[in-house]
Amino acid sequence: MTDALTTLKSRLAAVGSVAVLCGGKSAEREISLRSGAEVHAAMMALGINAVRVDPADSDIDVLKSFDACFIALHGRGGEDGVIQGVLEHLGVPYTGSGVMASAIGMSKIATKLLWAGAGLPTPDFYLAGVGERDIGFPLMVKPAHEGSSIGMRKVDTVEQLADAVAEAARFDHEVLVERWIQGAEFTVAILGDEALPPIRLETPNSFYDYEAKYQADSTRYICPCGLGDDKEAELKQLAKKAFQVIGCSGWGRVDVMQDQQGNFYLLEVNTVPGMTDHSLVPMAARASGRSFEQLVGEILLDGLEQRR
């Protein structure tokens, strides 16, 4: 056992009982259940008294009996400030960003408006049905409040655009239409004040969609990401600034595109990223020398330090 893990276990010994919140009722329920199972297993390995709790089939009052909550709920109800508000009301410490930052981060539109207002680069966009304007093709169409690439589609024509907006609207009352950035895709995990090593994502699909994220064996995760030292430092600094502008804390992930001229563009922030065997934050943590157990333990301790 490494010295770091021994020290971490010692600090975690006083944590008490922890609810691993996973499942829920969002479109990302199945991914959340997988994340929760992995986090729970890591906590058991760390010697923590942890119990998985699914808000979809549990009375919320049960959370009052725990000393802390590890939020592994993805999507609405878990990543949008709702469960964070409940836990604030109950006085139970929890992991990750607070109510406001979670709510903002869940809205791709609110996130991009804040980034643009802060002078950070993000692809041009509009809200379907409200602010249509010509920003050229290709375009990416996204439900404004979903994750895991659910309901997303790349379009090249006006006819495709109408179909893509209708498909995205099945998942959300707000649909984001965003200028497509042709180039490399990166993701940067944030842990406390640290930007972990960026990962470059490569897929034979037209973009990093649900299938590429959770099912395909053809997706490539490249870390070190292949950027020069200066460009990698620029990317990490941009991701940290993007995270801070939204008011996020604890841990999360920022997704970024780089165009063919080398310019970076912020896509979105994830305040409760996936923690499955295909997930990106655990990959970045491994690249920084952390085991999955260390990652889980650090996230939990950060939440306790923020809120106790």
Protein backbone atom coordinates (compact mmCIF):
# COMPACT_ATOMS: atom_id res chain seq x y z
CA MET A 1 0.00 0.00 0.00
CA THR A 2 1.38 3.42 -0.92
CA ASP A 3 2.05 6.08 1.71
CA ALA A 4 -0.58 8.29 0.08
CA LEU A 5 -3.26 5.62 0.30
CA THR A 6 -2.32 4.79 3.90
CA THR A 7 -2.63 8.47 4.86
CA LEU A 8 -5.92 8.74 3.00
CA LYS A 9 -7.37 5.71 4.80
CA SER A 10 -6.34 7.21 8.10
CA ARG A 11 -8.15 10.45 7.33
CA LEU A 12 -11.23 8.58 6.13
CA ALA A 13 -11.46 6.49 9.31
CA ALA A 14 -13.37 9.29 11.05
CA VAL A 15 -15.85 9.94 8.22
CA GLY A 16 -18.69 7.78 9.56
CA SER A 17 -21.51 6.42 7.40
CA VAL A 18 -21.80 7.51 3.76
CA ALA A 19 -24.75 7.29 1.37
CA VAL A 20 -23.71 6.75 -2.24
CA LEU A 21 -26.55 8.41 -4.13
CA CYS A 22 -27.13 6.82 -7.54
CA GLY A 23 -29.91 5.88 -9.92
CA GLY A 24 -32.66 8.48 -9.79
CA LYS A 25 -35.18 9.11 -12.53
CA SER A 26 -33.18 10.96 -15.20
CA ALA A 27 -32.35 9.69 -18.67
CA GLU A 28 -28.90 8.86 -17.30
CA ARG A 29 -30.23 6.48 -14.63
CA GLU A 30 -28.42 3.36 -15.89
CA ILE A 31 -25.07 5.12 -16.09
CA SER A 32 -25.60 6.54 -12.61
CA LEU A 33 -26.28 3.07 -11.20
CA ARG A 34 -23.01 1.86 -12.71
CA SER A 35 -21.14 4.87 -11.29
CA GLY A 36 -22.67 4.28 -7.88
CA ALA A 37 -21.67 0.62 -7.87
CA GLU A 38 -18.04 1.51 -8.68
CA VAL A 39 -17.91 4.27 -6.05
CA HIS A 40 -19.50 2.00 -3.43
CA ALA A 41 -16.97 -0.76 -4.12
CA ALA A 42 -14.11 1.73 -3.77
CA MET A 43 -15.48 2.95 -0.44
CA MET A 44 -15.76 -0.57 0.87
CA ALA A 45 -12.12 -1.14 -0.12
CA LEU A 46 -11.22 2.03 1.78
CA GLY A 47 -12.96 0.69 4.89
CA ILE A 48 -15.81 3.21 4.77
CA ASN A 49 -19.28 2.28 6.01
CA ALA A 50 -21.06 3.01 2.71
CA VAL A 51 -24.58 2.22 1.48
CA ARG A 52 -26.02 2.74 -1.99
CA VAL A 53 -29.22 4.80 -1.95
CA ASP A 54 -31.46 5.23 -5.00
CA PRO A 55 -33.73 8.30 -4.63
CA ALA A 56 -36.14 6.70 -7.10
CA ASP A 57 -37.17 4.08 -4.57
CA SER A 58 -36.09 5.55 -1.20
CA ASP A 59 -37.66 8.08 1.13
CA ILE A 60 -35.46 11.16 1.11
CA ASP A 61 -35.61 11.33 4.91
CA VAL A 62 -33.34 8.26 5.03
CA LEU A 63 -30.46 10.57 4.17
CA LYS A 64 -30.67 12.18 7.60
CA SER A 65 -29.25 8.99 9.10
CA PHE A 66 -25.94 9.35 7.21
CA ASP A 67 -22.90 11.44 8.09
CA ALA A 68 -22.19 12.34 4.45
CA CYS A 69 -23.38 11.74 0.88
CA PHE A 70 -21.33 10.96 -2.21
CA ILE A 71 -23.43 12.19 -5.14
CA ALA A 72 -23.17 9.85 -8.14
CA LEU A 73 -26.50 10.96 -9.60
CA HIS A 74 -26.15 12.08 -13.22
CA GLY A 75 -28.61 14.34 -14.99
CA ARG A 76 -31.70 16.04 -13.68
CA GLY A 77 -32.51 15.62 -10.03
CA GLY A 78 -28.89 14.89 -9.17
CA GLU A 79 -26.66 17.20 -11.15
CA ASP A 80 -28.90 20.27 -11.32
CA GLY A 81 -28.90 21.52 -7.73
CA VAL A 82 -32.03 19.65 -6.59
CA ILE A 83 -30.42 16.97 -4.44
CA GLN A 84 -27.80 19.49 -3.33
CA GLY A 85 -30.60 21.72 -2.03
CA VAL A 86 -32.21 18.80 -0.21
CA LEU A 87 -28.92 17.92 1.46
CA GLU A 88 -28.33 21.56 2.43
CA HIS A 89 -31.77 21.58 4.06
CA LEU A 90 -31.04 18.32 5.89
CA GLY A 91 -27.61 19.53 6.96
CA VAL A 92 -25.82 16.53 5.44
CA PRO A 93 -22.38 17.22 3.87
CA TYR A 94 -22.05 16.14 0.23
CA THR A 95 -19.53 15.94 -2.59
CA GLY A 96 -19.05 18.27 -5.53
CA SER A 97 -20.48 21.64 -6.46
CA GLY A 98 -23.14 23.49 -4.52
CA VAL A 99 -26.71 24.34 -5.47
CA MET A 100 -26.12 27.35 -7.73
CA ALA A 101 -23.11 26.01 -9.63
CA SER A 102 -24.87 22.67 -10.15
CA ALA A 103 -27.96 24.38 -11.54
CA ILE A 104 -25.91 26.55 -13.89
CA GLY A 105 -23.68 23.70 -15.01
CA MET A 106 -26.71 21.55 -15.84
CA SER A 107 -27.89 24.16 -18.32
CA LYS A 108 -25.61 24.21 -21.36
CA ILE A 109 -27.13 27.55 -22.33
CA ALA A 110 -26.60 29.27 -18.96
CA THR A 111 -23.07 27.86 -18.86
CA LYS A 112 -22.18 29.20 -22.30
CA LEU A 113 -23.71 32.60 -21.53
CA LEU A 114 -21.54 32.92 -18.42
CA TRP A 115 -18.43 31.82 -20.28
CA ALA A 116 -19.10 34.25 -23.11
CA GLY A 117 -19.72 37.04 -20.59
CA ALA A 118 -16.39 36.27 -18.95
CA GLY A 119 -14.63 36.41 -22.31
CA LEU A 120 -13.94 32.68 -22.48
CA PRO A 121 -14.11 30.99 -25.91
CA THR A 122 -17.18 28.87 -26.66
CA PRO A 123 -18.77 28.02 -30.04
CA ASP A 124 -21.45 30.38 -31.33
CA PHE A 125 -24.97 29.14 -30.52
CA TYR A 126 -28.67 29.88 -30.22
CA LEU A 127 -31.74 28.48 -28.50
CA ALA A 128 -34.00 26.66 -30.96
CA GLY A 129 -37.39 28.33 -31.39
CA VAL A 130 -36.24 31.56 -29.76
CA GLY A 131 -33.04 32.98 -31.18
CA GLU A 132 -32.58 31.35 -34.56
CA ARG A 133 -29.89 32.95 -36.68
CA ASP A 134 -27.47 31.93 -39.35
CA ILE A 135 -24.30 30.57 -37.77
CA GLY A 136 -23.51 28.28 -40.68
CA PHE A 137 -23.30 24.51 -41.09
CA PRO A 138 -22.39 21.98 -39.80
CA LEU A 139 -24.16 22.33 -36.46
CA MET A 140 -24.48 20.31 -33.27
CA VAL A 141 -27.97 20.01 -31.77
CA LYS A 142 -28.26 19.15 -28.07
CA PRO A 143 -30.91 18.96 -25.37
CA ALA A 144 -29.92 21.82 -23.08
CA HIS A 145 -30.19 19.85 -19.82
CA GLU A 146 -29.08 16.30 -20.67
CA GLY A 147 -25.71 14.60 -20.41
CA SER A 148 -24.05 11.45 -21.77
CA SER A 149 -24.62 12.81 -25.31
CA ILE A 150 -28.29 11.80 -25.06
CA GLY A 151 -30.39 13.31 -27.87
CA MET A 152 -27.40 14.91 -29.60
CA ARG A 153 -26.98 15.00 -33.36
CA LYS A 154 -24.63 16.60 -35.88
CA VAL A 155 -26.44 18.17 -38.87
CA ASP A 156 -25.31 19.48 -42.26
CA THR A 157 -28.56 20.75 -43.83
CA VAL A 158 -31.70 22.69 -42.95
CA GLU A 159 -33.78 19.53 -43.38
CA GLN A 160 -31.58 17.58 -40.96
CA LEU A 161 -31.72 20.48 -38.52
CA ALA A 162 -35.51 20.30 -38.17
CA ASP A 163 -35.38 16.55 -37.49
CA ALA A 164 -32.52 16.93 -34.99
CA VAL A 165 -34.31 19.67 -33.06
CA ALA A 166 -37.45 17.52 -32.88
CA GLU A 167 -35.40 14.56 -31.60
CA ALA A 168 -33.62 16.67 -28.96
CA ALA A 169 -36.96 18.14 -27.88
CA ARG A 170 -38.09 14.64 -26.88
CA PHE A 171 -35.64 14.93 -23.98
CA ASP A 172 -35.82 18.62 -23.10
CA HIS A 173 -38.01 21.70 -23.48
CA GLU A 174 -34.90 23.71 -24.44
CA VAL A 175 -32.69 22.75 -27.38
CA LEU A 176 -29.24 24.20 -27.99
CA VAL A 177 -28.01 24.68 -31.56
CA GLU A 178 -24.25 25.17 -31.63
CA ARG A 179 -21.66 25.81 -34.32
CA TRP A 180 -19.74 22.63 -35.07
CA ILE A 181 -16.01 22.84 -34.35
CA GLN A 182 -13.97 20.60 -36.62
CA GLY A 183 -10.91 19.31 -34.83
CA ALA A 184 -9.67 17.45 -31.80
CA GLU A 185 -11.79 16.85 -28.69
CA PHE A 186 -10.33 16.97 -25.19
CA THR A 187 -11.63 16.60 -21.69
CA VAL A 188 -10.00 17.98 -18.55
CA ALA A 189 -10.87 16.59 -15.13
CA ILE A 190 -10.74 18.98 -12.19
CA LEU A 191 -9.98 17.70 -8.69
CA GLY A 192 -9.93 20.40 -6.03
CA ASP A 193 -7.64 23.12 -7.36
CA GLU A 194 -5.85 20.77 -9.75
CA ALA A 195 -6.44 20.21 -13.45
CA LEU A 196 -5.59 16.55 -14.10
CA PRO A 197 -3.83 15.44 -17.30
CA PRO A 198 -6.07 16.18 -20.32
CA ILE A 199 -7.40 13.27 -22.37
CA ARG A 200 -7.82 13.41 -26.13
CA LEU A 201 -10.86 11.53 -27.42
CA GLU A 202 -10.89 9.83 -30.81
CA THR A 203 -13.81 7.88 -32.26
CA PRO A 204 -14.71 6.63 -35.75
CA ASN A 205 -18.22 7.94 -35.07
CA SER A 206 -19.14 11.44 -36.24
CA PHE A 207 -18.67 12.65 -32.66
CA TYR A 208 -18.19 11.33 -29.12
CA ASP A 209 -21.78 10.08 -28.77
CA TYR A 210 -23.47 7.75 -26.27
CA GLU A 211 -22.34 4.63 -28.10
CA ALA A 212 -18.73 5.87 -28.25
CA LYS A 213 -18.82 6.76 -24.55
CA TYR A 214 -20.32 3.63 -23.04
CA GLN A 215 -20.45 0.78 -25.53
CA ALA A 216 -17.81 0.96 -28.25
CA ASP A 217 -14.40 -0.65 -28.09
CA SER A 218 -13.20 1.53 -30.98
CA THR A 219 -12.99 4.76 -28.97
CA ARG A 220 -9.42 5.84 -28.23
CA TYR A 221 -8.48 7.70 -25.04
CA ILE A 222 -5.10 9.34 -25.51
CA CYS A 223 -3.20 10.46 -22.41
CA PRO A 224 -0.69 12.10 -22.59
CA CYS A 225 -2.95 13.96 -24.99
CA GLY A 226 -0.30 14.81 -27.60
CA LEU A 227 -0.27 18.57 -27.16
CA GLY A 228 2.99 20.43 -26.67
CA ASP A 229 3.80 21.60 -23.16
CA ASP A 230 2.64 25.18 -23.78
CA LYS A 231 -0.64 24.15 -25.39
CA GLU A 232 -1.38 21.59 -22.69
CA ALA A 233 -0.76 24.22 -20.01
CA GLU A 234 -3.07 26.61 -21.89
CA LEU A 235 -5.79 23.95 -22.05
CA LYS A 236 -5.53 23.13 -18.34
CA GLN A 237 -5.63 26.79 -17.37
CA LEU A 238 -8.68 27.39 -19.58
CA ALA A 239 -10.50 24.42 -18.03
CA LYS A 240 -9.76 25.63 -14.49
CA LYS A 241 -10.98 29.13 -15.34
CA ALA A 242 -14.14 27.72 -16.95
CA PHE A 243 -14.82 25.66 -13.82
CA GLN A 244 -14.29 28.66 -11.54
CA VAL A 245 -16.46 31.04 -13.57
CA ILE A 246 -19.45 28.74 -13.09
CA GLY A 247 -18.70 28.58 -9.35
CA CYS A 248 -17.98 24.86 -9.39
CA SER A 249 -16.04 23.16 -6.62
CA GLY A 250 -14.74 19.79 -5.49
CA TRP A 251 -14.49 17.86 -8.71
CA GLY A 252 -15.84 17.82 -12.25
CA ARG A 253 -14.89 17.77 -15.89
CA VAL A 254 -14.69 20.36 -18.66
CA ASP A 255 -15.08 19.34 -22.32
CA VAL A 256 -13.16 21.30 -24.95
CA MET A 257 -12.71 21.31 -28.73
CA GLN A 258 -9.61 22.50 -30.57
CA ASP A 259 -10.11 23.77 -34.10
CA GLN A 260 -7.70 23.20 -36.96
CA GLN A 261 -5.97 26.51 -36.24
CA GLY A 262 -5.19 25.37 -32.68
CA ASN A 263 -7.81 27.49 -30.90
CA PHE A 264 -9.68 26.00 -27.93
CA TYR A 265 -13.47 26.23 -27.47
CA LEU A 266 -15.34 25.30 -24.29
CA LEU A 267 -18.31 22.95 -24.79
CA GLU A 268 -19.73 22.15 -21.36
CA VAL A 269 -18.98 21.43 -17.72
CA ASN A 270 -19.92 18.23 -15.91
CA THR A 271 -20.40 18.65 -12.16
CA VAL A 272 -21.07 14.93 -11.49
CA PRO A 273 -19.11 13.09 -14.19
CA GLY A 274 -19.34 9.38 -14.79
CA MET A 275 -17.40 6.99 -12.56
CA THR A 276 -17.81 3.82 -14.64
CA ASP A 277 -15.13 1.60 -16.19
CA HIS A 278 -15.41 3.73 -19.38
CA SER A 279 -15.37 7.07 -17.56
CA LEU A 280 -12.86 9.84 -18.12
CA VAL A 281 -12.20 11.25 -14.65
CA PRO A 282 -10.86 7.90 -13.35
CA MET A 283 -8.62 7.69 -16.44
CA ALA A 284 -7.22 11.16 -15.77
CA ALA A 285 -6.75 10.29 -12.11
CA ARG A 286 -4.72 7.19 -13.06
CA ALA A 287 -2.56 9.36 -15.33
CA SER A 288 -1.88 11.62 -12.34
CA GLY A 289 -0.79 8.62 -10.24
CA ARG A 290 -4.04 8.10 -8.32
CA SER A 291 -5.92 4.83 -7.98
CA PHE A 292 -9.70 4.80 -8.26
CA GLU A 293 -9.93 4.38 -4.48
CA GLN A 294 -7.71 7.42 -3.95
CA LEU A 295 -9.87 9.45 -6.32
CA VAL A 296 -13.06 8.51 -4.47
CA GLY A 297 -11.48 9.20 -1.10
CA GLU A 298 -10.18 12.63 -2.15
CA ILE A 299 -13.56 13.64 -3.57
CA LEU A 300 -15.29 12.61 -0.36
CA LEU A 301 -12.84 14.40 1.92
CA ASP A 302 -13.08 17.56 -0.18
CA GLY A 303 -16.87 17.56 0.21
CA LEU A 304 -16.57 17.14 3.97
CA GLU A 305 -14.01 19.92 4.25
CA GLN A 306 -16.24 22.27 2.26
CA ARG A 307 -19.41 21.63 4.23
CA ARG A 308 -18.66 20.54 7.79
